[in-house]
Amino acid sequence: MIQVRYFASLREQLGRDAEAIEPSTEASVAELRALLCARGEPWATALAPEQRILAAVNQEMARPDSRVADGDELAFFPPVTGG
């Protein structure tokens, strides 16, 4: 199982802060994001490819091609801005 966590506006859009998913094989961040989008709404809008979303695997910033394996934690969050 992969623990998926959602932060900030993603948590609000999806109505949850976390869930567990079990992909059939090890996958990349981009593949898991696409898998979640394929569920339909609200994931399709919140995690759409045109949305600027950052990801972390096991609390380290990750790229779309970063691998995620069984037992890992994958977090999605919007970019943080400040002033």
PDB file of N, CA and C in Angstrom:
ATOM      1  N   MET A   1       0.833  -1.181   0.000  1.00  0.00           N
ATOM      2  CA  MET A   1       0.000   0.000   0.000  1.00  0.00           C
ATOM      3  C   MET A   1       0.880   1.247   0.000  1.00  0.00           C
ATOM      4  N   ILE A   2       0.393   2.244  -0.687  1.00  0.00           N
ATOM      5  CA  ILE A   2       1.038   3.553  -0.703  1.00  0.00           C
ATOM      6  C   ILE A   2       0.111   4.518   0.016  1.00  0.00           C
ATOM      7  N   GLN A   3       0.644   5.223   0.983  1.00  0.00           N
ATOM      8  CA  GLN A   3      -0.132   6.246   1.684  1.00  0.00           C
ATOM      9  C   GLN A   3      -0.048   7.528   0.870  1.00  0.00           C
ATOM     10  N   VAL A   4      -1.190   8.045   0.456  1.00  0.00           N
ATOM     11  CA  VAL A   4      -1.240   9.297  -0.296  1.00  0.00           C
ATOM     12  C   VAL A   4      -1.818  10.356   0.626  1.00  0.00           C
ATOM     13  N   ARG A   5      -1.099  11.474   0.737  1.00  0.00           N
ATOM     14  CA  ARG A   5      -1.553  12.577   1.587  1.00  0.00           C
ATOM     15  C   ARG A   5      -1.795  13.802   0.721  1.00  0.00           C
ATOM     16  N   TYR A   6      -2.829  14.567   1.085  1.00  0.00           N
ATOM     17  CA  TYR A   6      -3.202  15.779   0.365  1.00  0.00           C
ATOM     18  C   TYR A   6      -3.132  16.955   1.328  1.00  0.00           C
ATOM     19  N   PHE A   7      -2.576  18.066   0.859  1.00  0.00           N
ATOM     20  CA  PHE A   7      -2.404  19.233   1.718  1.00  0.00           C
ATOM     21  C   PHE A   7      -3.072  20.468   1.127  1.00  0.00           C
ATOM     22  N   ALA A   8      -3.382  21.400   2.018  1.00  0.00           N
ATOM     23  CA  ALA A   8      -3.905  22.730   1.682  1.00  0.00           C
ATOM     24  C   ALA A   8      -5.168  22.625   0.822  1.00  0.00           C
ATOM     25  N   SER A   9      -5.210  23.349  -0.284  1.00  0.00           N
ATOM     26  CA  SER A   9      -6.427  23.398  -1.100  1.00  0.00           C
ATOM     27  C   SER A   9      -6.791  22.029  -1.682  1.00  0.00           C
ATOM     28  N   LEU A  10      -5.809  21.157  -1.895  1.00  0.00           N
ATOM     29  CA  LEU A  10      -6.124  19.810  -2.392  1.00  0.00           C
ATOM     30  C   LEU A  10      -6.957  19.044  -1.375  1.00  0.00           C
ATOM     31  N   ARG A  11      -6.592  19.171  -0.114  1.00  0.00           N
ATOM     32  CA  ARG A  11      -7.356  18.506   0.957  1.00  0.00           C
ATOM     33  C   ARG A  11      -8.795  18.998   0.946  1.00  0.00           C
ATOM     34  N   GLU A  12      -8.974  20.291   0.759  1.00  0.00           N
ATOM     35  CA  GLU A  12     -10.328  20.865   0.730  1.00  0.00           C
ATOM     36  C   GLU A  12     -11.100  20.393  -0.492  1.00  0.00           C
ATOM     37  N   GLN A  13     -10.469  20.373  -1.666  1.00  0.00           N
ATOM     38  CA  GLN A  13     -11.145  19.947  -2.885  1.00  0.00           C
ATOM     39  C   GLN A  13     -11.544  18.471  -2.837  1.00  0.00           C
ATOM     40  N   LEU A  14     -10.690  17.662  -2.261  1.00  0.00           N
ATOM     41  CA  LEU A  14     -10.935  16.215  -2.243  1.00  0.00           C
ATOM     42  C   LEU A  14     -11.725  15.745  -1.024  1.00  0.00           C
ATOM     43  N   GLY A  15     -11.843  16.613  -0.020  1.00  0.00           N
ATOM     44  CA  GLY A  15     -12.604  16.250   1.163  1.00  0.00           C
ATOM     45  C   GLY A  15     -11.946  15.188   2.020  1.00  0.00           C
ATOM     46  N   ARG A  16     -10.636  15.091   1.909  1.00  0.00           N
ATOM     47  CA  ARG A  16      -9.875  14.114   2.712  1.00  0.00           C
ATOM     48  C   ARG A  16      -8.432  14.561   2.793  1.00  0.00           C
ATOM     49  N   ASP A  17      -7.752  14.108   3.816  1.00  0.00           N
ATOM     50  CA  ASP A  17      -6.343  14.470   3.933  1.00  0.00           C
ATOM     51  C   ASP A  17      -5.409  13.318   3.587  1.00  0.00           C
ATOM     52  N   ALA A  18      -5.954  12.101   3.505  1.00  0.00           N
ATOM     53  CA  ALA A  18      -5.109  10.952   3.194  1.00  0.00           C
ATOM     54  C   ALA A  18      -5.955   9.779   2.737  1.00  0.00           C
ATOM     55  N   GLU A  19      -5.293   8.858   2.070  1.00  0.00           N
ATOM     56  CA  GLU A  19      -5.915   7.593   1.689  1.00  0.00           C
ATOM     57  C   GLU A  19      -4.807   6.607   1.337  1.00  0.00           C
ATOM     58  N   ALA A  20      -5.141   5.354   1.304  1.00  0.00           N
ATOM     59  CA  ALA A  20      -4.194   4.317   0.908  1.00  0.00           C
ATOM     60  C   ALA A  20      -4.616   3.780  -0.455  1.00  0.00           C
ATOM     61  N   ILE A  21      -3.639   3.626  -1.347  1.00  0.00           N
ATOM     62  CA  ILE A  21      -3.920   3.028  -2.652  1.00  0.00           C
ATOM     63  C   ILE A  21      -2.962   1.873  -2.867  1.00  0.00           C
ATOM     64  N   GLU A  22      -3.364   0.957  -3.705  1.00  0.00           N
ATOM     65  CA  GLU A  22      -2.528  -0.198  -3.991  1.00  0.00           C
ATOM     66  C   GLU A  22      -2.423  -0.373  -5.496  1.00  0.00           C
ATOM     67  N   PRO A  23      -1.420   0.276  -6.105  1.00  0.00           N
ATOM     68  CA  PRO A  23      -1.232   0.090  -7.545  1.00  0.00           C
ATOM     69  C   PRO A  23      -0.736  -1.327  -7.815  1.00  0.00           C
ATOM     70  N   SER A  24      -0.905  -1.779  -9.036  1.00  0.00           N
ATOM     71  CA  SER A  24      -0.541  -3.160  -9.365  1.00  0.00           C
ATOM     72  C   SER A  24       0.978  -3.379  -9.367  1.00  0.00           C
ATOM     73  N   THR A  25       1.745  -2.316  -9.652  1.00  0.00           N
ATOM     74  CA  THR A  25       3.205  -2.417  -9.656  1.00  0.00           C
ATOM     75  C   THR A  25       3.786  -1.102  -9.151  1.00  0.00           C
ATOM     76  N   GLU A  26       5.099  -1.082  -8.966  1.00  0.00           N
ATOM     77  CA  GLU A  26       5.767   0.169  -8.626  1.00  0.00           C
ATOM     78  C   GLU A  26       5.479   1.167  -9.740  1.00  0.00           C
ATOM     79  N   ALA A  27       5.263   2.411  -9.385  1.00  0.00           N
ATOM     80  CA  ALA A  27       4.879   3.415 -10.375  1.00  0.00           C
ATOM     81  C   ALA A  27       5.592   4.726 -10.095  1.00  0.00           C
ATOM     82  N   SER A  28       5.546   5.610 -11.071  1.00  0.00           N
ATOM     83  CA  SER A  28       6.117   6.944 -10.887  1.00  0.00           C
ATOM     84  C   SER A  28       5.067   7.860 -10.267  1.00  0.00           C
ATOM     85  N   VAL A  29       5.517   9.005  -9.788  1.00  0.00           N
ATOM     86  CA  VAL A  29       4.601  10.013  -9.253  1.00  0.00           C
ATOM     87  C   VAL A  29       3.581  10.387 -10.329  1.00  0.00           C
ATOM     88  N   ALA A  30       4.041  10.612 -11.554  1.00  0.00           N
ATOM     89  CA  ALA A  30       3.139  10.995 -12.651  1.00  0.00           C
ATOM     90  C   ALA A  30       2.114   9.895 -12.943  1.00  0.00           C
ATOM     91  N   GLU A  31       2.537   8.646 -12.913  1.00  0.00           N
ATOM     92  CA  GLU A  31       1.614   7.541 -13.171  1.00  0.00           C
ATOM     93  C   GLU A  31       0.553   7.439 -12.080  1.00  0.00           C
ATOM     94  N   LEU A  32       0.955   7.634 -10.836  1.00  0.00           N
ATOM     95  CA  LEU A  32      -0.016   7.577  -9.744  1.00  0.00           C
ATOM     96  C   LEU A  32      -0.969   8.763  -9.797  1.00  0.00           C
ATOM     97  N   ARG A  33      -0.460   9.923 -10.166  1.00  0.00           N
ATOM     98  CA  ARG A  33      -1.326  11.093 -10.316  1.00  0.00           C
ATOM     99  C   ARG A  33      -2.362  10.841 -11.412  1.00  0.00           C
ATOM    100  N   ALA A  34      -1.933  10.257 -12.526  1.00  0.00           N
ATOM    101  CA  ALA A  34      -2.856   9.927 -13.615  1.00  0.00           C
ATOM    102  C   ALA A  34      -3.875   8.880 -13.173  1.00  0.00           C
ATOM    103  N   LEU A  35      -3.435   7.911 -12.398  1.00  0.00           N
ATOM    104  CA  LEU A  35      -4.340   6.878 -11.881  1.00  0.00           C
ATOM    105  C   LEU A  35      -5.422   7.502 -11.011  1.00  0.00           C
ATOM    106  N   LEU A  36      -5.023   8.442 -10.160  1.00  0.00           N
ATOM    107  CA  LEU A  36      -5.996   9.127  -9.302  1.00  0.00           C
ATOM    108  C   LEU A  36      -6.944   9.987 -10.144  1.00  0.00           C
ATOM    109  N   CYS A  37      -6.422  10.692 -11.130  1.00  0.00           N
ATOM    110  CA  CYS A  37      -7.271  11.515 -12.012  1.00  0.00           C
ATOM    111  C   CYS A  37      -8.308  10.665 -12.748  1.00  0.00           C
ATOM    112  N   ALA A  38      -7.935   9.457 -13.110  1.00  0.00           N
ATOM    113  CA  ALA A  38      -8.830   8.572 -13.858  1.00  0.00           C
ATOM    114  C   ALA A  38     -10.054   8.158 -13.048  1.00  0.00           C
ATOM    115  N   ARG A  39     -10.046   8.378 -11.759  1.00  0.00           N
ATOM    116  CA  ARG A  39     -11.211   8.073 -10.922  1.00  0.00           C
ATOM    117  C   ARG A  39     -12.392   8.966 -11.265  1.00  0.00           C
ATOM    118  N   GLY A  40     -12.117  10.123 -11.861  1.00  0.00           N
ATOM    119  CA  GLY A  40     -13.177  11.095 -12.120  1.00  0.00           C
ATOM    120  C   GLY A  40     -13.135  12.188 -11.075  1.00  0.00           C
ATOM    121  N   GLU A  41     -14.254  12.860 -10.931  1.00  0.00           N
ATOM    122  CA  GLU A  41     -14.312  13.992  -9.988  1.00  0.00           C
ATOM    123  C   GLU A  41     -14.346  13.498  -8.549  1.00  0.00           C
ATOM    124  N   PRO A  42     -13.743  14.241  -7.644  1.00  0.00           N
ATOM    125  CA  PRO A  42     -13.068  15.527  -7.764  1.00  0.00           C
ATOM    126  C   PRO A  42     -11.578  15.423  -8.113  1.00  0.00           C
ATOM    127  N   TRP A  43     -11.032  14.193  -8.185  1.00  0.00           N
ATOM    128  CA  TRP A  43      -9.606  14.018  -8.465  1.00  0.00           C
ATOM    129  C   TRP A  43      -9.224  14.568  -9.842  1.00  0.00           C
ATOM    130  N   ALA A  44     -10.101  14.365 -10.833  1.00  0.00           N
ATOM    131  CA  ALA A  44      -9.786  14.801 -12.193  1.00  0.00           C
ATOM    132  C   ALA A  44      -9.531  16.302 -12.267  1.00  0.00           C
ATOM    133  N   THR A  45     -10.240  17.072 -11.479  1.00  0.00           N
ATOM    134  CA  THR A  45     -10.033  18.523 -11.466  1.00  0.00           C
ATOM    135  C   THR A  45      -8.875  18.906 -10.555  1.00  0.00           C
ATOM    136  N   ALA A  46      -8.848  18.376  -9.358  1.00  0.00           N
ATOM    137  CA  ALA A  46      -7.829  18.765  -8.375  1.00  0.00           C
ATOM    138  C   ALA A  46      -6.413  18.393  -8.810  1.00  0.00           C
ATOM    139  N   LEU A  47      -6.256  17.235  -9.442  1.00  0.00           N
ATOM    140  CA  LEU A  47      -4.927  16.745  -9.814  1.00  0.00           C
ATOM    141  C   LEU A  47      -4.681  16.786 -11.321  1.00  0.00           C
ATOM    142  N   ALA A  48      -5.504  17.534 -12.050  1.00  0.00           N
ATOM    143  CA  ALA A  48      -5.391  17.616 -13.509  1.00  0.00           C
ATOM    144  C   ALA A  48      -3.973  18.003 -13.928  1.00  0.00           C
ATOM    145  N   PRO A  49      -3.530  17.520 -15.075  1.00  0.00           N
ATOM    146  CA  PRO A  49      -2.164  17.816 -15.532  1.00  0.00           C
ATOM    147  C   PRO A  49      -1.842  19.309 -15.613  1.00  0.00           C
ATOM    148  N   GLU A  50      -2.833  20.132 -15.916  1.00  0.00           N
ATOM    149  CA  GLU A  50      -2.562  21.570 -16.021  1.00  0.00           C
ATOM    150  C   GLU A  50      -2.459  22.261 -14.659  1.00  0.00           C
ATOM    151  N   GLN A  51      -2.827  21.572 -13.589  1.00  0.00           N
ATOM    152  CA  GLN A  51      -2.697  22.122 -12.241  1.00  0.00           C
ATOM    153  C   GLN A  51      -1.235  22.030 -11.797  1.00  0.00           C
ATOM    154  N   ARG A  52      -0.736  23.099 -11.260  1.00  0.00           N
ATOM    155  CA  ARG A  52       0.640  23.083 -10.741  1.00  0.00           C
ATOM    156  C   ARG A  52       0.612  22.454  -9.346  1.00  0.00           C
ATOM    157  N   ILE A  53       1.046  21.225  -9.275  1.00  0.00           N
ATOM    158  CA  ILE A  53       1.027  20.451  -8.034  1.00  0.00           C
ATOM    159  C   ILE A  53       2.453  19.954  -7.769  1.00  0.00           C
ATOM    160  N   LEU A  54       2.890  20.084  -6.529  1.00  0.00           N
ATOM    161  CA  LEU A  54       4.183  19.538  -6.127  1.00  0.00           C
ATOM    162  C   LEU A  54       3.960  18.191  -5.449  1.00  0.00           C
ATOM    163  N   ALA A  55       5.010  17.381  -5.427  1.00  0.00           N
ATOM    164  CA  ALA A  55       4.909  16.063  -4.798  1.00  0.00           C
ATOM    165  C   ALA A  55       6.140  15.787  -3.960  1.00  0.00           C
ATOM    166  N   ALA A  56       5.949  14.959  -2.951  1.00  0.00           N
ATOM    167  CA  ALA A  56       7.055  14.491  -2.122  1.00  0.00           C
ATOM    168  C   ALA A  56       6.867  12.993  -1.891  1.00  0.00           C
ATOM    169  N   VAL A  57       7.960  12.272  -1.929  1.00  0.00           N
ATOM    170  CA  VAL A  57       7.944  10.842  -1.615  1.00  0.00           C
ATOM    171  C   VAL A  57       8.769  10.666  -0.350  1.00  0.00           C
ATOM    172  N   ASN A  58       8.130  10.118   0.658  1.00  0.00           N
ATOM    173  CA  ASN A  58       8.777   9.920   1.956  1.00  0.00           C
ATOM    174  C   ASN A  58       9.407  11.223   2.467  1.00  0.00           C
ATOM    175  N   GLN A  59       8.636  12.298   2.324  1.00  0.00           N
ATOM    176  CA  GLN A  59       8.975  13.625   2.830  1.00  0.00           C
ATOM    177  C   GLN A  59      10.177  14.271   2.142  1.00  0.00           C
ATOM    178  N   GLU A  60      10.478  13.842   0.924  1.00  0.00           N
ATOM    179  CA  GLU A  60      11.516  14.472   0.121  1.00  0.00           C
ATOM    180  C   GLU A  60      10.910  14.873  -1.210  1.00  0.00           C
ATOM    181  N   MET A  61      11.201  16.101  -1.641  1.00  0.00           N
ATOM    182  CA  MET A  61      10.648  16.585  -2.902  1.00  0.00           C
ATOM    183  C   MET A  61      10.904  15.563  -4.011  1.00  0.00           C
ATOM    184  N   ALA A  62       9.889  15.389  -4.860  1.00  0.00           N
ATOM    185  CA  ALA A  62       9.969  14.377  -5.907  1.00  0.00           C
ATOM    186  C   ALA A  62       9.634  14.983  -7.265  1.00  0.00           C
ATOM    187  N   ARG A  63      10.171  14.389  -8.296  1.00  0.00           N
ATOM    188  CA  ARG A  63       9.886  14.771  -9.676  1.00  0.00           C
ATOM    189  C   ARG A  63       8.791  13.858 -10.225  1.00  0.00           C
ATOM    190  N   PRO A  64       8.178  14.209 -11.333  1.00  0.00           N
ATOM    191  CA  PRO A  64       7.144  13.340 -11.901  1.00  0.00           C
ATOM    192  C   PRO A  64       7.636  11.920 -12.196  1.00  0.00           C
ATOM    193  N   ASP A  65       8.934  11.771 -12.517  1.00  0.00           N
ATOM    194  CA  ASP A  65       9.453  10.440 -12.835  1.00  0.00           C
ATOM    195  C   ASP A  65      10.005   9.696 -11.613  1.00  0.00           C
ATOM    196  N   SER A  66       9.914  10.291 -10.430  1.00  0.00           N
ATOM    197  CA  SER A  66      10.366   9.616  -9.204  1.00  0.00           C
ATOM    198  C   SER A  66       9.515   8.377  -8.957  1.00  0.00           C
ATOM    199  N   ARG A  67      10.160   7.307  -8.545  1.00  0.00           N
ATOM    200  CA  ARG A  67       9.463   6.037  -8.314  1.00  0.00           C
ATOM    201  C   ARG A  67       8.851   6.006  -6.916  1.00  0.00           C
ATOM    202  N   VAL A  68       7.688   5.382  -6.832  1.00  0.00           N
ATOM    203  CA  VAL A  68       6.978   5.205  -5.565  1.00  0.00           C
ATOM    204  C   VAL A  68       6.714   3.710  -5.418  1.00  0.00           C
ATOM    205  N   ALA A  69       7.128   3.146  -4.297  1.00  0.00           N
ATOM    206  CA  ALA A  69       7.006   1.704  -4.074  1.00  0.00           C
ATOM    207  C   ALA A  69       6.083   1.411  -2.902  1.00  0.00           C
ATOM    208  N   ASP A  70       5.727   0.163  -2.769  1.00  0.00           N
ATOM    209  CA  ASP A  70       4.902  -0.304  -1.664  1.00  0.00           C
ATOM    210  C   ASP A  70       5.532   0.147  -0.341  1.00  0.00           C
ATOM    211  N   GLY A  71       4.712   0.711   0.538  1.00  0.00           N
ATOM    212  CA  GLY A  71       5.182   1.176   1.836  1.00  0.00           C
ATOM    213  C   GLY A  71       5.602   2.635   1.856  1.00  0.00           C
ATOM    214  N   ASP A  72       5.691   3.268   0.686  1.00  0.00           N
ATOM    215  CA  ASP A  72       6.082   4.676   0.621  1.00  0.00           C
ATOM    216  C   ASP A  72       4.901   5.584   0.947  1.00  0.00           C
ATOM    217  N   GLU A  73       5.241   6.836   1.263  1.00  0.00           N
ATOM    218  CA  GLU A  73       4.246   7.881   1.439  1.00  0.00           C
ATOM    219  C   GLU A  73       4.421   8.874   0.292  1.00  0.00           C
ATOM    220  N   LEU A  74       3.336   9.186  -0.385  1.00  0.00           N
ATOM    221  CA  LEU A  74       3.318  10.151  -1.478  1.00  0.00           C
ATOM    222  C   LEU A  74       2.432  11.307  -1.056  1.00  0.00           C
ATOM    223  N   ALA A  75       2.977  12.511  -1.094  1.00  0.00           N
ATOM    224  CA  ALA A  75       2.209  13.695  -0.702  1.00  0.00           C
ATOM    225  C   ALA A  75       2.077  14.628  -1.898  1.00  0.00           C
ATOM    226  N   PHE A  76       0.881  15.177  -2.083  1.00  0.00           N
ATOM    227  CA  PHE A  76       0.624  16.177  -3.106  1.00  0.00           C
ATOM    228  C   PHE A  76       0.243  17.478  -2.423  1.00  0.00           C
ATOM    229  N   PHE A  77       0.776  18.581  -2.932  1.00  0.00           N
ATOM    230  CA  PHE A  77       0.431  19.885  -2.348  1.00  0.00           C
ATOM    231  C   PHE A  77       0.640  20.980  -3.389  1.00  0.00           C
ATOM    232  N   PRO A  78      -0.130  22.063  -3.262  1.00  0.00           N
ATOM    233  CA  PRO A  78       0.061  23.174  -4.190  1.00  0.00           C
ATOM    234  C   PRO A  78       1.323  23.939  -3.826  1.00  0.00           C
ATOM    235  N   PRO A  79       1.879  24.679  -4.789  1.00  0.00           N
ATOM    236  CA  PRO A  79       3.065  25.478  -4.481  1.00  0.00           C
ATOM    237  C   PRO A  79       2.736  26.493  -3.390  1.00  0.00           C
ATOM    238  N   VAL A  80       3.695  26.790  -2.570  1.00  0.00           N
ATOM    239  CA  VAL A  80       3.507  27.734  -1.484  1.00  0.00           C
ATOM    240  C   VAL A  80       4.021  29.098  -1.930  1.00  0.00           C
ATOM    241  N   THR A  81       3.220  30.111  -1.691  1.00  0.00           N
ATOM    242  CA  THR A  81       3.672  31.462  -1.982  1.00  0.00           C
ATOM    243  C   THR A  81       3.687  32.256  -0.694  1.00  0.00           C
ATOM    244  N   GLY A  82       4.452  33.246  -0.667  1.00  0.00           N
ATOM    245  CA  GLY A  82       4.527  34.054   0.540  1.00  0.00           C
ATOM    246  C   GLY A  82       4.824  35.491   0.187  1.00  0.00           C
ATOM    247  N   GLY A  83       4.823  36.305   1.188  1.00  0.00           N
ATOM    248  CA  GLY A  83       5.081  37.705   0.890  1.00  0.00           C
ATOM    249  C   GLY A  83       5.657  38.410   2.087  1.00  0.00           C
TER     250      GLY A  83
END
